[in-house]
Structures are given as structure tokens and as C-alpha cells.
Amino acid sequence: MAAAATLITVAALRREESRGGHFRRDFPETDPKQALRRQLTLAEARAWPSPCPRSVA
């Protein structure tokens, strides 16, 4: 389940458009080229720099 959450989160952060319930102020328009199916591997997701610190303690 953690792997699925990682993939969903990184995919949302990498998206550079607004579509459906996913709205970004920095990318308010829908890009038809982004509608094509995209693939993201777990290795790519784990290599993506984290916007948040990994530990909260």
C-alpha cells in the first residue's frame, strides 16, 4: 500500500496541468498532450526529490 501511495503522490507532483479534481495554480490549464497514458516506475518515484522531510520526529 505504501508503494501505491508513493506512486500516486509523485505522479500528482510531477503533473504540470490541471485535470479533473487535480488543480494546480501554477498550471491552471488542461494540456491535451498530457492526456496520453503515462507510466511511472517505483524506482523513478523513489528517486524523485521529496518536498517534505522523511522524518517527522
N, C-alpha and C. Protein backbone atom coordinates (compact mmCIF):
# COMPACT_ATOMS: atom_id res chain seq x y z
N MET A 1 0.82 -1.18 0.00
CA MET A 1 0.00 0.00 0.00
C MET A 1 0.88 1.26 0.00
N ALA A 2 2.00 1.22 0.68
CA ALA A 2 2.91 2.37 0.70
C ALA A 2 3.47 2.65 -0.69
N ALA A 3 3.74 1.60 -1.45
CA ALA A 3 4.25 1.79 -2.81
C ALA A 3 3.22 2.48 -3.69
N ALA A 4 1.96 2.09 -3.57
CA ALA A 4 0.89 2.73 -4.34
C ALA A 4 0.75 4.20 -3.95
N ALA A 5 0.83 4.49 -2.66
CA ALA A 5 0.74 5.88 -2.19
C ALA A 5 1.90 6.71 -2.73
N THR A 6 3.09 6.13 -2.76
CA THR A 6 4.26 6.82 -3.30
C THR A 6 4.06 7.15 -4.77
N LEU A 7 3.61 6.17 -5.55
CA LEU A 7 3.40 6.38 -6.98
C LEU A 7 2.34 7.44 -7.23
N ILE A 8 1.24 7.41 -6.51
CA ILE A 8 0.16 8.38 -6.69
C ILE A 8 0.64 9.78 -6.34
N THR A 9 1.35 9.91 -5.24
CA THR A 9 1.83 11.23 -4.79
C THR A 9 2.83 11.82 -5.77
N VAL A 10 3.81 11.03 -6.18
CA VAL A 10 4.83 11.54 -7.10
C VAL A 10 4.21 11.86 -8.46
N ALA A 11 3.29 11.04 -8.93
CA ALA A 11 2.63 11.33 -10.20
C ALA A 11 1.87 12.65 -10.12
N ALA A 12 1.21 12.90 -9.01
CA ALA A 12 0.48 14.16 -8.84
C ALA A 12 1.44 15.35 -8.79
N LEU A 13 2.56 15.20 -8.12
CA LEU A 13 3.54 16.29 -8.03
C LEU A 13 4.20 16.58 -9.38
N ARG A 14 4.38 15.55 -10.19
CA ARG A 14 5.02 15.72 -11.49
C ARG A 14 4.08 16.25 -12.56
N ARG A 15 2.78 16.15 -12.33
CA ARG A 15 1.81 16.62 -13.33
C ARG A 15 1.94 18.12 -13.48
N GLU A 16 2.02 18.59 -14.72
CA GLU A 16 2.16 20.02 -14.99
C GLU A 16 0.93 20.53 -15.73
N GLU A 17 -0.24 20.22 -15.21
CA GLU A 17 -1.51 20.68 -15.77
C GLU A 17 -2.59 20.50 -14.72
N SER A 18 -3.75 21.08 -14.99
CA SER A 18 -4.92 20.85 -14.16
C SER A 18 -5.85 19.92 -14.92
N ARG A 19 -6.39 18.94 -14.23
CA ARG A 19 -7.31 18.00 -14.89
C ARG A 19 -8.21 17.40 -13.82
N GLY A 20 -9.52 17.47 -14.06
CA GLY A 20 -10.49 16.89 -13.13
C GLY A 20 -10.36 17.50 -11.74
N GLY A 21 -10.24 16.66 -10.74
CA GLY A 21 -10.11 17.12 -9.36
C GLY A 21 -8.70 17.56 -9.00
N HIS A 22 -7.78 17.43 -9.93
CA HIS A 22 -6.39 17.82 -9.69
C HIS A 22 -6.17 19.20 -10.28
N PHE A 23 -6.18 20.24 -9.44
CA PHE A 23 -5.99 21.61 -9.90
C PHE A 23 -4.69 22.17 -9.35
N ARG A 24 -3.92 22.81 -10.22
CA ARG A 24 -2.68 23.46 -9.80
C ARG A 24 -2.74 24.92 -10.19
N ARG A 25 -2.44 25.79 -9.25
CA ARG A 25 -2.43 27.23 -9.54
C ARG A 25 -1.32 27.59 -10.51
N ASP A 26 -0.19 26.88 -10.44
CA ASP A 26 0.92 27.19 -11.34
C ASP A 26 0.71 26.63 -12.75
N PHE A 27 -0.21 25.69 -12.91
CA PHE A 27 -0.57 25.13 -14.22
C PHE A 27 -2.10 25.03 -14.30
N PRO A 28 -2.81 26.16 -14.48
CA PRO A 28 -4.27 26.14 -14.41
C PRO A 28 -4.97 25.53 -15.63
N GLU A 29 -4.28 25.40 -16.73
CA GLU A 29 -4.91 24.90 -17.96
C GLU A 29 -4.73 23.39 -18.12
N THR A 30 -5.63 22.80 -18.91
CA THR A 30 -5.52 21.39 -19.28
C THR A 30 -4.68 21.29 -20.54
N ASP A 31 -3.76 20.37 -20.57
CA ASP A 31 -2.89 20.16 -21.72
C ASP A 31 -3.28 18.84 -22.38
N PRO A 32 -3.83 18.88 -23.62
CA PRO A 32 -4.26 17.64 -24.29
C PRO A 32 -3.14 16.61 -24.44
N LYS A 33 -1.89 17.07 -24.57
CA LYS A 33 -0.77 16.12 -24.70
C LYS A 33 -0.56 15.33 -23.42
N GLN A 34 -0.95 15.90 -22.28
CA GLN A 34 -0.80 15.22 -21.00
C GLN A 34 -1.86 14.13 -20.82
N ALA A 35 -2.89 14.12 -21.65
CA ALA A 35 -3.97 13.14 -21.51
C ALA A 35 -3.52 11.74 -21.91
N LEU A 36 -2.42 11.65 -22.64
CA LEU A 36 -1.91 10.34 -23.04
C LEU A 36 -1.49 9.55 -21.81
N ARG A 37 -1.61 8.26 -21.90
CA ARG A 37 -1.26 7.41 -20.76
C ARG A 37 0.22 7.58 -20.41
N ARG A 38 0.50 7.75 -19.14
CA ARG A 38 1.87 7.91 -18.65
C ARG A 38 2.22 6.74 -17.75
N GLN A 39 3.49 6.40 -17.71
CA GLN A 39 3.95 5.34 -16.83
C GLN A 39 5.01 5.90 -15.89
N LEU A 40 4.97 5.45 -14.66
CA LEU A 40 5.94 5.85 -13.65
C LEU A 40 6.30 4.60 -12.88
N THR A 41 7.59 4.29 -12.84
CA THR A 41 8.01 3.11 -12.09
C THR A 41 8.26 3.50 -10.63
N LEU A 42 8.25 2.52 -9.77
CA LEU A 42 8.51 2.77 -8.35
C LEU A 42 9.93 3.30 -8.16
N ALA A 43 10.88 2.81 -8.95
CA ALA A 43 12.26 3.30 -8.86
C ALA A 43 12.32 4.79 -9.21
N GLU A 44 11.58 5.21 -10.24
CA GLU A 44 11.55 6.63 -10.60
C GLU A 44 10.90 7.46 -9.50
N ALA A 45 9.84 6.94 -8.92
CA ALA A 45 9.15 7.66 -7.85
C ALA A 45 10.05 7.82 -6.63
N ARG A 46 10.77 6.78 -6.30
CA ARG A 46 11.66 6.85 -5.13
C ARG A 46 12.86 7.76 -5.37
N ALA A 47 13.25 7.94 -6.63
CA ALA A 47 14.38 8.82 -6.95
C ALA A 47 13.96 10.29 -6.99
N TRP A 48 12.66 10.55 -7.04
CA TRP A 48 12.15 11.92 -7.10
C TRP A 48 12.46 12.62 -5.78
N PRO A 49 13.02 13.84 -5.81
CA PRO A 49 13.33 14.53 -4.56
C PRO A 49 12.07 14.81 -3.74
N SER A 50 12.12 14.49 -2.48
CA SER A 50 10.96 14.65 -1.61
C SER A 50 10.76 16.12 -1.24
N PRO A 51 9.53 16.65 -1.38
CA PRO A 51 9.29 18.03 -0.97
C PRO A 51 9.14 18.17 0.54
N CYS A 52 9.02 17.04 1.24
CA CYS A 52 8.82 17.05 2.69
C CYS A 52 9.92 16.23 3.34
N PRO A 53 10.29 16.59 4.56
CA PRO A 53 11.28 15.75 5.26
C PRO A 53 10.72 14.36 5.51
N ARG A 54 11.56 13.36 5.42
CA ARG A 54 11.10 11.98 5.59
C ARG A 54 10.73 11.67 7.03
N SER A 55 11.39 12.29 7.99
CA SER A 55 11.04 12.02 9.38
C SER A 55 10.29 13.21 9.96
N VAL A 56 9.32 12.92 10.77
CA VAL A 56 8.53 13.99 11.38
C VAL A 56 8.90 14.16 12.84
N ALA A 57 9.71 13.28 13.36
CA ALA A 57 10.08 13.34 14.78
C ALA A 57 11.15 14.36 15.04
